[in-house]
Amino acid sequence: MSTAERFHRKVMAGRPALREADRQRLVGLRPRDPSKRLYAGAHLLPVGAAHLADNDQGVITSVAFSPSLQHWIGLACWRADRSGSAKP
Protein backbone atom coordinates (compact mmCIF):
# COMPACT_ATOMS: atom_id res chain seq x y z
CA MET A 1 0.00 0.00 0.00
CA SER A 2 1.42 3.33 -1.02
CA THR A 3 2.02 5.76 1.84
CA ALA A 4 2.58 8.68 -0.55
CA GLU A 5 -0.96 8.78 -1.92
CA ARG A 6 -4.15 9.52 -0.08
CA PHE A 7 -7.24 7.55 -0.96
CA HIS A 8 -10.68 6.82 0.36
CA ARG A 9 -10.68 4.29 3.24
CA LYS A 10 -6.91 4.40 3.72
CA VAL A 11 -7.34 4.27 7.49
CA MET A 12 -9.53 1.17 7.25
CA ALA A 13 -7.09 -0.55 4.86
CA GLY A 14 -4.33 -0.12 7.45
CA ARG A 15 -6.13 -2.03 10.20
CA PRO A 16 -3.99 -4.85 11.66
CA ALA A 17 -6.54 -7.55 10.80
CA LEU A 18 -6.40 -6.57 7.11
CA ARG A 19 -2.60 -6.68 7.09
CA GLU A 20 -2.21 -10.16 8.56
CA ALA A 21 -0.45 -12.57 6.21
CA ASP A 22 -2.81 -15.47 6.91
CA ARG A 23 -6.14 -13.62 6.74
CA GLN A 24 -8.96 -15.00 4.63
CA ARG A 25 -9.39 -13.60 1.14
CA LEU A 26 -12.22 -13.84 -1.37
CA VAL A 27 -10.98 -15.85 -4.37
CA GLY A 28 -12.49 -17.19 -7.56
CA LEU A 29 -12.44 -20.94 -8.25
CA ARG A 30 -12.76 -23.23 -11.22
CA PRO A 31 -12.42 -27.00 -11.20
CA ARG A 32 -9.23 -28.58 -12.53
CA ASP A 33 -11.46 -30.99 -14.43
CA PRO A 34 -14.22 -29.00 -16.19
CA SER A 35 -16.57 -31.99 -16.03
CA LYS A 36 -16.56 -31.84 -12.20
CA ARG A 37 -18.95 -29.71 -10.16
CA LEU A 38 -18.08 -27.34 -7.30
CA TYR A 39 -20.28 -27.42 -4.18
CA ALA A 40 -21.08 -24.47 -1.93
CA GLY A 41 -20.17 -25.22 1.67
CA ALA A 42 -17.29 -27.54 0.73
CA HIS A 43 -14.08 -26.96 2.67
CA LEU A 44 -10.74 -26.36 0.96
CA LEU A 45 -7.87 -28.62 1.99
CA PRO A 46 -4.32 -28.92 0.64
CA VAL A 47 -3.86 -31.78 -1.84
CA GLY A 48 -3.03 -34.97 0.05
CA ALA A 49 -3.80 -33.51 3.50
CA ALA A 50 -5.79 -35.47 6.04
CA HIS A 51 -9.43 -34.45 6.35
CA LEU A 52 -8.97 -32.63 9.67
CA ALA A 53 -10.15 -29.22 10.82
CA ASP A 54 -6.51 -28.22 11.40
CA ASN A 55 -5.89 -28.52 7.64
CA ASP A 56 -8.89 -26.42 6.63
CA GLN A 57 -7.86 -23.47 4.43
CA GLY A 58 -11.30 -22.08 3.66
CA VAL A 59 -14.79 -22.72 2.41
CA ILE A 60 -16.58 -22.37 -0.93
CA THR A 61 -19.25 -19.72 -0.38
CA SER A 62 -21.11 -19.79 -3.70
CA VAL A 63 -21.13 -21.64 -7.02
CA ALA A 64 -22.81 -21.30 -10.40
CA PHE A 65 -22.63 -22.94 -13.79
CA SER A 66 -21.07 -20.64 -16.39
CA PRO A 67 -22.75 -21.06 -19.77
CA SER A 68 -19.95 -19.18 -21.52
CA LEU A 69 -17.18 -21.30 -19.94
CA GLN A 70 -19.27 -24.50 -19.96
CA HIS A 71 -18.19 -25.48 -16.43
CA TRP A 72 -18.82 -24.62 -12.79
CA ILE A 73 -17.21 -21.60 -11.14
CA GLY A 74 -17.25 -20.46 -7.53
CA LEU A 75 -16.20 -18.00 -4.86
CA ALA A 76 -14.44 -19.00 -1.66
CA CYS A 77 -13.03 -17.48 1.50
CA TRP A 78 -9.49 -18.86 1.43
CA ARG A 79 -6.69 -18.55 3.98
CA ALA A 80 -3.10 -18.53 2.71
CA ASP A 81 0.07 -16.56 3.22
CA ARG A 82 0.73 -13.50 1.05
CA SER A 83 2.96 -15.44 -1.34
CA GLY A 84 -0.02 -17.62 -2.22
CA SER A 85 2.09 -20.72 -1.68
CA ALA A 86 -0.81 -22.77 -0.34
CA LYS A 87 -3.15 -23.82 -3.13
CA PRO A 88 -6.53 -25.48 -2.57
PDB file of N, CA and C in Angstrom:
ATOM      1  N   MET A   1       0.854  -1.172   0.000  1.00  0.00           N
ATOM      2  CA  MET A   1       0.000   0.000   0.000  1.00  0.00           C
ATOM      3  C   MET A   1       0.896   1.229   0.000  1.00  0.00           C
ATOM      4  N   SER A   2       0.636   2.122  -0.906  1.00  0.00           N
ATOM      5  CA  SER A   2       1.425   3.333  -1.025  1.00  0.00           C
ATOM      6  C   SER A   2       1.138   4.264   0.153  1.00  0.00           C
ATOM      7  N   THR A   3       2.197   4.798   0.750  1.00  0.00           N
ATOM      8  CA  THR A   3       2.017   5.764   1.835  1.00  0.00           C
ATOM      9  C   THR A   3       2.058   7.185   1.302  1.00  0.00           C
ATOM     10  N   ALA A   4       2.469   7.355   0.033  1.00  0.00           N
ATOM     11  CA  ALA A   4       2.582   8.682  -0.552  1.00  0.00           C
ATOM     12  C   ALA A   4       1.233   9.222  -1.005  1.00  0.00           C
ATOM     13  N   GLU A   5       0.336   8.353  -1.395  1.00  0.00           N
ATOM     14  CA  GLU A   5      -0.956   8.785  -1.918  1.00  0.00           C
ATOM     15  C   GLU A   5      -2.052   8.673  -0.865  1.00  0.00           C
ATOM     16  N   ARG A   6      -2.986   9.580  -0.941  1.00  0.00           N
ATOM     17  CA  ARG A   6      -4.154   9.523  -0.077  1.00  0.00           C
ATOM     18  C   ARG A   6      -5.299   8.932  -0.880  1.00  0.00           C
ATOM     19  N   PHE A   7      -6.085   8.097  -0.269  1.00  0.00           N
ATOM     20  CA  PHE A   7      -7.236   7.545  -0.957  1.00  0.00           C
ATOM     21  C   PHE A   7      -8.327   7.248   0.062  1.00  0.00           C
ATOM     22  N   HIS A   8      -9.506   7.102  -0.470  1.00  0.00           N
ATOM     23  CA  HIS A   8     -10.679   6.823   0.362  1.00  0.00           C
ATOM     24  C   HIS A   8     -10.472   5.506   1.118  1.00  0.00           C
ATOM     25  N   ARG A   9     -10.776   5.469   2.367  1.00  0.00           N
ATOM     26  CA  ARG A   9     -10.683   4.286   3.241  1.00  0.00           C
ATOM     27  C   ARG A   9      -9.244   3.866   3.553  1.00  0.00           C
ATOM     28  N   LYS A  10      -8.298   4.751   3.419  1.00  0.00           N
ATOM     29  CA  LYS A  10      -6.907   4.402   3.718  1.00  0.00           C
ATOM     30  C   LYS A  10      -6.752   3.962   5.168  1.00  0.00           C
ATOM     31  N   VAL A  11      -7.439   4.626   6.076  1.00  0.00           N
ATOM     32  CA  VAL A  11      -7.341   4.273   7.494  1.00  0.00           C
ATOM     33  C   VAL A  11      -7.853   2.852   7.712  1.00  0.00           C
ATOM     34  N   MET A  12      -8.967   2.512   7.086  1.00  0.00           N
ATOM     35  CA  MET A  12      -9.528   1.174   7.246  1.00  0.00           C
ATOM     36  C   MET A  12      -8.610   0.105   6.650  1.00  0.00           C
ATOM     37  N   ALA A  13      -7.975   0.418   5.521  1.00  0.00           N
ATOM     38  CA  ALA A  13      -7.092  -0.549   4.864  1.00  0.00           C
ATOM     39  C   ALA A  13      -5.849  -0.830   5.707  1.00  0.00           C
ATOM     40  N   GLY A  14      -5.513   0.064   6.611  1.00  0.00           N
ATOM     41  CA  GLY A  14      -4.333  -0.119   7.447  1.00  0.00           C
ATOM     42  C   GLY A  14      -4.593  -0.862   8.746  1.00  0.00           C
ATOM     43  N   ARG A  15      -5.826  -1.316   8.965  1.00  0.00           N
ATOM     44  CA  ARG A  15      -6.132  -2.034  10.202  1.00  0.00           C
ATOM     45  C   ARG A  15      -5.297  -3.307  10.297  1.00  0.00           C
ATOM     46  N   PRO A  16      -4.839  -3.656  11.494  1.00  0.00           N
ATOM     47  CA  PRO A  16      -3.994  -4.848  11.664  1.00  0.00           C
ATOM     48  C   PRO A  16      -4.615  -6.126  11.113  1.00  0.00           C
ATOM     49  N   ALA A  17      -5.902  -6.315  11.280  1.00  0.00           N
ATOM     50  CA  ALA A  17      -6.543  -7.546  10.802  1.00  0.00           C
ATOM     51  C   ALA A  17      -6.471  -7.667   9.282  1.00  0.00           C
ATOM     52  N   LEU A  18      -6.468  -6.540   8.573  1.00  0.00           N
ATOM     53  CA  LEU A  18      -6.400  -6.574   7.108  1.00  0.00           C
ATOM     54  C   LEU A  18      -4.962  -6.678   6.600  1.00  0.00           C
ATOM     55  N   ARG A  19      -3.995  -6.582   7.496  1.00  0.00           N
ATOM     56  CA  ARG A  19      -2.605  -6.676   7.093  1.00  0.00           C
ATOM     57  C   ARG A  19      -1.965  -8.006   7.481  1.00  0.00           C
ATOM     58  N   GLU A  20      -2.738  -8.860   8.155  1.00  0.00           N
ATOM     59  CA  GLU A  20      -2.215 -10.161   8.565  1.00  0.00           C
ATOM     60  C   GLU A  20      -1.958 -11.034   7.338  1.00  0.00           C
ATOM     61  N   ALA A  21      -0.844 -11.738   7.354  1.00  0.00           N
ATOM     62  CA  ALA A  21      -0.454 -12.567   6.211  1.00  0.00           C
ATOM     63  C   ALA A  21      -1.403 -13.737   5.996  1.00  0.00           C
ATOM     64  N   ASP A  22      -1.978 -14.271   7.066  1.00  0.00           N
ATOM     65  CA  ASP A  22      -2.810 -15.468   6.912  1.00  0.00           C
ATOM     66  C   ASP A  22      -4.310 -15.180   6.974  1.00  0.00           C
ATOM     67  N   ARG A  23      -4.708 -13.935   6.696  1.00  0.00           N
ATOM     68  CA  ARG A  23      -6.136 -13.616   6.737  1.00  0.00           C
ATOM     69  C   ARG A  23      -6.862 -14.269   5.563  1.00  0.00           C
ATOM     70  N   GLN A  24      -8.164 -14.440   5.716  1.00  0.00           N
ATOM     71  CA  GLN A  24      -8.958 -15.000   4.631  1.00  0.00           C
ATOM     72  C   GLN A  24      -9.163 -13.959   3.539  1.00  0.00           C
ATOM     73  N   ARG A  25      -9.170 -14.455   2.300  1.00  0.00           N
ATOM     74  CA  ARG A  25      -9.390 -13.605   1.144  1.00  0.00           C
ATOM     75  C   ARG A  25     -10.501 -14.214   0.281  1.00  0.00           C
ATOM     76  N   LEU A  26     -11.216 -13.357  -0.431  1.00  0.00           N
ATOM     77  CA  LEU A  26     -12.219 -13.836  -1.368  1.00  0.00           C
ATOM     78  C   LEU A  26     -11.512 -14.168  -2.677  1.00  0.00           C
ATOM     79  N   VAL A  27     -11.648 -15.402  -3.145  1.00  0.00           N
ATOM     80  CA  VAL A  27     -10.982 -15.846  -4.371  1.00  0.00           C
ATOM     81  C   VAL A  27     -11.995 -16.519  -5.298  1.00  0.00           C
ATOM     82  N   GLY A  28     -11.689 -16.491  -6.568  1.00  0.00           N
ATOM     83  CA  GLY A  28     -12.493 -17.188  -7.558  1.00  0.00           C
ATOM     84  C   GLY A  28     -11.945 -18.591  -7.777  1.00  0.00           C
ATOM     85  N   LEU A  29     -12.836 -19.544  -8.052  1.00  0.00           N
ATOM     86  CA  LEU A  29     -12.438 -20.939  -8.254  1.00  0.00           C
ATOM     87  C   LEU A  29     -12.992 -21.474  -9.565  1.00  0.00           C
ATOM     88  N   ARG A  30     -12.266 -22.416 -10.114  1.00  0.00           N
ATOM     89  CA  ARG A  30     -12.763 -23.228 -11.219  1.00  0.00           C
ATOM     90  C   ARG A  30     -12.194 -24.622 -11.025  1.00  0.00           C
ATOM     91  N   PRO A  31     -12.917 -25.632 -11.419  1.00  0.00           N
ATOM     92  CA  PRO A  31     -12.420 -26.998 -11.198  1.00  0.00           C
ATOM     93  C   PRO A  31     -11.258 -27.320 -12.139  1.00  0.00           C
ATOM     94  N   ARG A  32     -10.325 -28.134 -11.668  1.00  0.00           N
ATOM     95  CA  ARG A  32      -9.230 -28.582 -12.532  1.00  0.00           C
ATOM     96  C   ARG A  32      -9.775 -29.395 -13.696  1.00  0.00           C
ATOM     97  N   ASP A  33     -10.792 -30.189 -13.406  1.00  0.00           N
ATOM     98  CA  ASP A  33     -11.459 -30.992 -14.428  1.00  0.00           C
ATOM     99  C   ASP A  33     -12.805 -30.323 -14.712  1.00  0.00           C
ATOM    100  N   PRO A  34     -12.975 -29.720 -15.896  1.00  0.00           N
ATOM    101  CA  PRO A  34     -14.220 -29.002 -16.192  1.00  0.00           C
ATOM    102  C   PRO A  34     -15.489 -29.847 -16.110  1.00  0.00           C
ATOM    103  N   SER A  35     -15.367 -31.159 -16.129  1.00  0.00           N
ATOM    104  CA  SER A  35     -16.565 -31.993 -16.030  1.00  0.00           C
ATOM    105  C   SER A  35     -17.020 -32.174 -14.583  1.00  0.00           C
ATOM    106  N   LYS A  36     -16.225 -31.713 -13.625  1.00  0.00           N
ATOM    107  CA  LYS A  36     -16.565 -31.836 -12.204  1.00  0.00           C
ATOM    108  C   LYS A  36     -17.322 -30.603 -11.729  1.00  0.00           C
ATOM    109  N   ARG A  37     -18.158 -30.793 -10.729  1.00  0.00           N
ATOM    110  CA  ARG A  37     -18.951 -29.709 -10.163  1.00  0.00           C
ATOM    111  C   ARG A  37     -18.326 -29.219  -8.861  1.00  0.00           C
ATOM    112  N   LEU A  38     -18.447 -27.926  -8.590  1.00  0.00           N
ATOM    113  CA  LEU A  38     -18.075 -27.344  -7.298  1.00  0.00           C
ATOM    114  C   LEU A  38     -19.327 -27.310  -6.425  1.00  0.00           C
ATOM    115  N   TYR A  39     -19.150 -27.425  -5.108  1.00  0.00           N
ATOM    116  CA  TYR A  39     -20.282 -27.425  -4.179  1.00  0.00           C
ATOM    117  C   TYR A  39     -20.101 -26.349  -3.116  1.00  0.00           C
ATOM    118  N   ALA A  40     -21.111 -25.483  -2.983  1.00  0.00           N
ATOM    119  CA  ALA A  40     -21.084 -24.465  -1.931  1.00  0.00           C
ATOM    120  C   ALA A  40     -21.073 -25.154  -0.576  1.00  0.00           C
ATOM    121  N   GLY A  41     -20.269 -24.642   0.332  1.00  0.00           N
ATOM    122  CA  GLY A  41     -20.166 -25.219   1.668  1.00  0.00           C
ATOM    123  C   GLY A  41     -19.018 -26.204   1.804  1.00  0.00           C
ATOM    124  N   ALA A  42     -18.425 -26.608   0.676  1.00  0.00           N
ATOM    125  CA  ALA A  42     -17.287 -27.536   0.728  1.00  0.00           C
ATOM    126  C   ALA A  42     -16.067 -26.812   1.304  1.00  0.00           C
ATOM    127  N   HIS A  43     -15.287 -27.533   2.078  1.00  0.00           N
ATOM    128  CA  HIS A  43     -14.082 -26.962   2.674  1.00  0.00           C
ATOM    129  C   HIS A  43     -12.880 -27.216   1.774  1.00  0.00           C
ATOM    130  N   LEU A  44     -11.944 -26.276   1.787  1.00  0.00           N
ATOM    131  CA  LEU A  44     -10.743 -26.361   0.962  1.00  0.00           C
ATOM    132  C   LEU A  44      -9.591 -26.910   1.796  1.00  0.00           C
ATOM    133  N   LEU A  45      -8.994 -27.979   1.311  1.00  0.00           N
ATOM    134  CA  LEU A  45      -7.866 -28.620   1.988  1.00  0.00           C
ATOM    135  C   LEU A  45      -6.695 -28.727   1.018  1.00  0.00           C
ATOM    136  N   PRO A  46      -5.465 -28.706   1.521  1.00  0.00           N
ATOM    137  CA  PRO A  46      -4.320 -28.923   0.636  1.00  0.00           C
ATOM    138  C   PRO A  46      -4.391 -30.333   0.031  1.00  0.00           C
ATOM    139  N   VAL A  47      -3.869 -30.477  -1.181  1.00  0.00           N
ATOM    140  CA  VAL A  47      -3.860 -31.782  -1.839  1.00  0.00           C
ATOM    141  C   VAL A  47      -3.080 -32.771  -0.984  1.00  0.00           C
ATOM    142  N   GLY A  48      -3.680 -33.923  -0.714  1.00  0.00           N
ATOM    143  CA  GLY A  48      -3.029 -34.971   0.053  1.00  0.00           C
ATOM    144  C   GLY A  48      -3.118 -34.821   1.562  1.00  0.00           C
ATOM    145  N   ALA A  49      -3.697 -33.730   2.043  1.00  0.00           N
ATOM    146  CA  ALA A  49      -3.798 -33.514   3.495  1.00  0.00           C
ATOM    147  C   ALA A  49      -4.919 -34.366   4.083  1.00  0.00           C
ATOM    148  N   ALA A  50      -4.745 -34.734   5.331  1.00  0.00           N
ATOM    149  CA  ALA A  50      -5.791 -35.472   6.044  1.00  0.00           C
ATOM    150  C   ALA A  50      -7.017 -34.583   6.200  1.00  0.00           C
ATOM    151  N   HIS A  51      -8.185 -35.184   6.215  1.00  0.00           N
ATOM    152  CA  HIS A  51      -9.434 -34.448   6.350  1.00  0.00           C
ATOM    153  C   HIS A  51      -9.668 -34.079   7.806  1.00  0.00           C
ATOM    154  N   LEU A  52      -8.888 -33.112   8.287  1.00  0.00           N
ATOM    155  CA  LEU A  52      -8.968 -32.634   9.666  1.00  0.00           C
ATOM    156  C   LEU A  52      -9.215 -31.137   9.672  1.00  0.00           C
ATOM    157  N   ALA A  53      -9.876 -30.643  10.702  1.00  0.00           N
ATOM    158  CA  ALA A  53     -10.153 -29.217  10.819  1.00  0.00           C
ATOM    159  C   ALA A  53      -8.862 -28.394  10.831  1.00  0.00           C
ATOM    160  N   ASP A  54      -7.784 -28.945  11.358  1.00  0.00           N
ATOM    161  CA  ASP A  54      -6.511 -28.221  11.403  1.00  0.00           C
ATOM    162  C   ASP A  54      -5.972 -27.920  10.004  1.00  0.00           C
ATOM    163  N   ASN A  55      -6.368 -28.709   9.008  1.00  0.00           N
ATOM    164  CA  ASN A  55      -5.887 -28.520   7.641  1.00  0.00           C
ATOM    165  C   ASN A  55      -6.809 -27.652   6.791  1.00  0.00           C
ATOM    166  N   ASP A  56      -7.901 -27.210   7.369  1.00  0.00           N
ATOM    167  CA  ASP A  56      -8.887 -26.418   6.634  1.00  0.00           C
ATOM    168  C   ASP A  56      -8.290 -25.074   6.224  1.00  0.00           C
ATOM    169  N   GLN A  57      -8.369 -24.749   4.925  1.00  0.00           N
ATOM    170  CA  GLN A  57      -7.860 -23.472   4.428  1.00  0.00           C
ATOM    171  C   GLN A  57      -8.964 -22.535   3.977  1.00  0.00           C
ATOM    172  N   GLY A  58     -10.215 -22.963   4.053  1.00  0.00           N
ATOM    173  CA  GLY A  58     -11.302 -22.079   3.662  1.00  0.00           C
ATOM    174  C   GLY A  58     -12.542 -22.858   3.291  1.00  0.00           C
ATOM    175  N   VAL A  59     -13.515 -22.111   2.777  1.00  0.00           N
ATOM    176  CA  VAL A  59     -14.794 -22.719   2.412  1.00  0.00           C
ATOM    177  C   VAL A  59     -15.315 -22.072   1.128  1.00  0.00           C
ATOM    178  N   ILE A  60     -15.951 -22.885   0.278  1.00  0.00           N
ATOM    179  CA  ILE A  60     -16.581 -22.374  -0.935  1.00  0.00           C
ATOM    180  C   ILE A  60     -17.902 -21.738  -0.521  1.00  0.00           C
ATOM    181  N   THR A  61     -18.064 -20.457  -0.836  1.00  0.00           N
ATOM    182  CA  THR A  61     -19.245 -19.722  -0.384  1.00  0.00           C
ATOM    183  C   THR A  61     -20.372 -19.720  -1.395  1.00  0.00           C
ATOM    184  N   SER A  62     -20.057 -19.775  -2.682  1.00  0.00           N
ATOM    185  CA  SER A  62     -21.108 -19.790  -3.699  1.00  0.00           C
ATOM    186  C   SER A  62     -20.586 -20.413  -4.980  1.00  0.00           C
ATOM    187  N   VAL A  63     -21.493 -21.014  -5.739  1.00  0.00           N
ATOM    188  CA  VAL A  63     -21.126 -21.639  -7.016  1.00  0.00           C
ATOM    189  C   VAL A  63     -22.227 -21.357  -8.043  1.00  0.00           C
ATOM    190  N   ALA A  64     -21.844 -21.443  -9.306  1.00  0.00           N
ATOM    191  CA  ALA A  64     -22.806 -21.299 -10.402  1.00  0.00           C
ATOM    192  C   ALA A  64     -22.216 -21.957 -11.637  1.00  0.00           C
ATOM    193  N   PHE A  65     -23.086 -22.405 -12.516  1.00  0.00           N
ATOM    194  CA  PHE A  65     -22.628 -22.940 -13.789  1.00  0.00           C
ATOM    195  C   PHE A  65     -22.467 -21.771 -14.753  1.00  0.00           C
ATOM    196  N   SER A  66     -21.332 -21.699 -15.418  1.00  0.00           N
ATOM    197  CA  SER A  66     -21.069 -20.638 -16.386  1.00  0.00           C
ATOM    198  C   SER A  66     -21.382 -21.139 -17.793  1.00  0.00           C
ATOM    199  N   PRO A  67     -22.429 -20.619 -18.411  1.00  0.00           N
ATOM    200  CA  PRO A  67     -22.747 -21.060 -19.769  1.00  0.00           C
ATOM    201  C   PRO A  67     -21.662 -20.699 -20.782  1.00  0.00           C
ATOM    202  N   SER A  68     -20.994 -19.571 -20.564  1.00  0.00           N
ATOM    203  CA  SER A  68     -19.949 -19.179 -21.518  1.00  0.00           C
ATOM    204  C   SER A  68     -18.691 -20.031 -21.372  1.00  0.00           C
ATOM    205  N   LEU A  69     -18.366 -20.463 -20.150  1.00  0.00           N
ATOM    206  CA  LEU A  69     -17.183 -21.304 -19.935  1.00  0.00           C
ATOM    207  C   LEU A  69     -17.516 -22.793 -20.030  1.00  0.00           C
ATOM    208  N   GLN A  70     -18.789 -23.119 -19.911  1.00  0.00           N
ATOM    209  CA  GLN A  70     -19.267 -24.502 -19.959  1.00  0.00           C
ATOM    210  C   GLN A  70     -18.719 -25.361 -18.812  1.00  0.00           C
ATOM    211  N   HIS A  71     -18.535 -24.740 -17.634  1.00  0.00           N
ATOM    212  CA  HIS A  71     -18.189 -25.484 -16.426  1.00  0.00           C
ATOM    213  C   HIS A  71     -18.564 -24.659 -15.204  1.00  0.00           C
ATOM    214  N   TRP A  72     -18.459 -25.284 -14.038  1.00  0.00           N
ATOM    215  CA  TRP A  72     -18.819 -24.624 -12.790  1.00  0.00           C
ATOM    216  C   TRP A  72     -17.719 -23.661 -12.358  1.00  0.00           C
ATOM    217  N   ILE A  73     -18.129 -22.561 -11.730  1.00  0.00           N
ATOM    218  CA  ILE A  73     -17.208 -21.597 -11.136  1.00  0.00           C
ATOM    219  C   ILE A  73     -17.697 -21.296  -9.725  1.00  0.00           C
ATOM    220  N   GLY A  74     -16.831 -20.745  -8.895  1.00  0.00           N
ATOM    221  CA  GLY A  74     -17.253 -20.460  -7.534  1.00  0.00           C
ATOM    222  C   GLY A  74     -16.444 -19.357  -6.883  1.00  0.00           C
ATOM    223  N   LEU A  75     -16.908 -18.944  -5.725  1.00  0.00           N
ATOM    224  CA  LEU A  75     -16.204 -18.000  -4.861  1.00  0.00           C
ATOM    225  C   LEU A  75     -15.934 -18.702  -3.539  1.00  0.00           C
ATOM    226  N   ALA A  76     -14.794 -18.376  -2.939  1.00  0.00           N
ATOM    227  CA  ALA A  76     -14.439 -19.002  -1.665  1.00  0.00           C
ATOM    228  C   ALA A  76     -13.717 -18.003  -0.776  1.00  0.00           C
ATOM    229  N   CYS A  77     -13.860 -18.173   0.522  1.00  0.00           N
ATOM    230  CA  CYS A  77     -13.029 -17.480   1.503  1.00  0.00           C
ATOM    231  C   CYS A  77     -11.866 -18.424   1.768  1.00  0.00           C
ATOM    232  N   TRP A  78     -10.670 -17.992   1.409  1.00  0.00           N
ATOM    233  CA  TRP A  78      -9.492 -18.858   1.426  1.00  0.00           C
ATOM    234  C   TRP A  78      -8.397 -18.224   2.266  1.00  0.00           C
ATOM    235  N   ARG A  79      -7.762 -19.027   3.109  1.00  0.00           N
ATOM    236  CA  ARG A  79      -6.695 -18.549   3.982  1.00  0.00           C
ATOM    237  C   ARG A  79      -5.366 -19.083   3.451  1.00  0.00           C
ATOM    238  N   ALA A  80      -4.445 -18.163   3.169  1.00  0.00           N
ATOM    239  CA  ALA A  80      -3.099 -18.532   2.707  1.00  0.00           C
ATOM    240  C   ALA A  80      -2.159 -17.386   3.016  1.00  0.00           C
ATOM    241  N   ASP A  81      -0.877 -17.650   2.984  1.00  0.00           N
ATOM    242  CA  ASP A  81       0.071 -16.559   3.218  1.00  0.00           C
ATOM    243  C   ASP A  81       0.093 -15.637   1.992  1.00  0.00           C
ATOM    244  N   ARG A  82       0.737 -14.483   2.113  1.00  0.00           N
ATOM    245  CA  ARG A  82       0.734 -13.497   1.046  1.00  0.00           C
ATOM    246  C   ARG A  82       1.397 -13.983  -0.233  1.00  0.00           C
ATOM    247  N   SER A  83       2.302 -14.936  -0.134  1.00  0.00           N
ATOM    248  CA  SER A  83       2.959 -15.439  -1.338  1.00  0.00           C
ATOM    249  C   SER A  83       2.023 -16.319  -2.150  1.00  0.00           C
ATOM    250  N   GLY A  84       0.917 -16.754  -1.527  1.00  0.00           N
ATOM    251  CA  GLY A  84      -0.024 -17.617  -2.224  1.00  0.00           C
ATOM    252  C   GLY A  84       0.490 -19.030  -2.383  1.00  0.00           C
ATOM    253  N   SER A  85       1.452 -19.414  -1.518  1.00  0.00           N
ATOM    254  CA  SER A  85       2.090 -20.715  -1.676  1.00  0.00           C
ATOM    255  C   SER A  85       1.139 -21.881  -1.429  1.00  0.00           C
ATOM    256  N   ALA A  86       0.146 -21.686  -0.587  1.00  0.00           N
ATOM    257  CA  ALA A  86      -0.814 -22.774  -0.337  1.00  0.00           C
ATOM    258  C   ALA A  86      -1.892 -22.697  -1.386  1.00  0.00           C
ATOM    259  N   LYS A  87      -2.125 -23.802  -2.085  1.00  0.00           N
ATOM    260  CA  LYS A  87      -3.146 -23.820  -3.135  1.00  0.00           C
ATOM    261  C   LYS A  87      -4.180 -24.875  -2.801  1.00  0.00           C
ATOM    262  N   PRO A  88      -5.474 -24.501  -2.889  1.00  0.00           N
ATOM    263  CA  PRO A  88      -6.527 -25.476  -2.574  1.00  0.00           C
ATOM    264  C   PRO A  88      -6.639 -26.546  -3.637  1.00  0.00           C
TER     265      PRO A  88
END
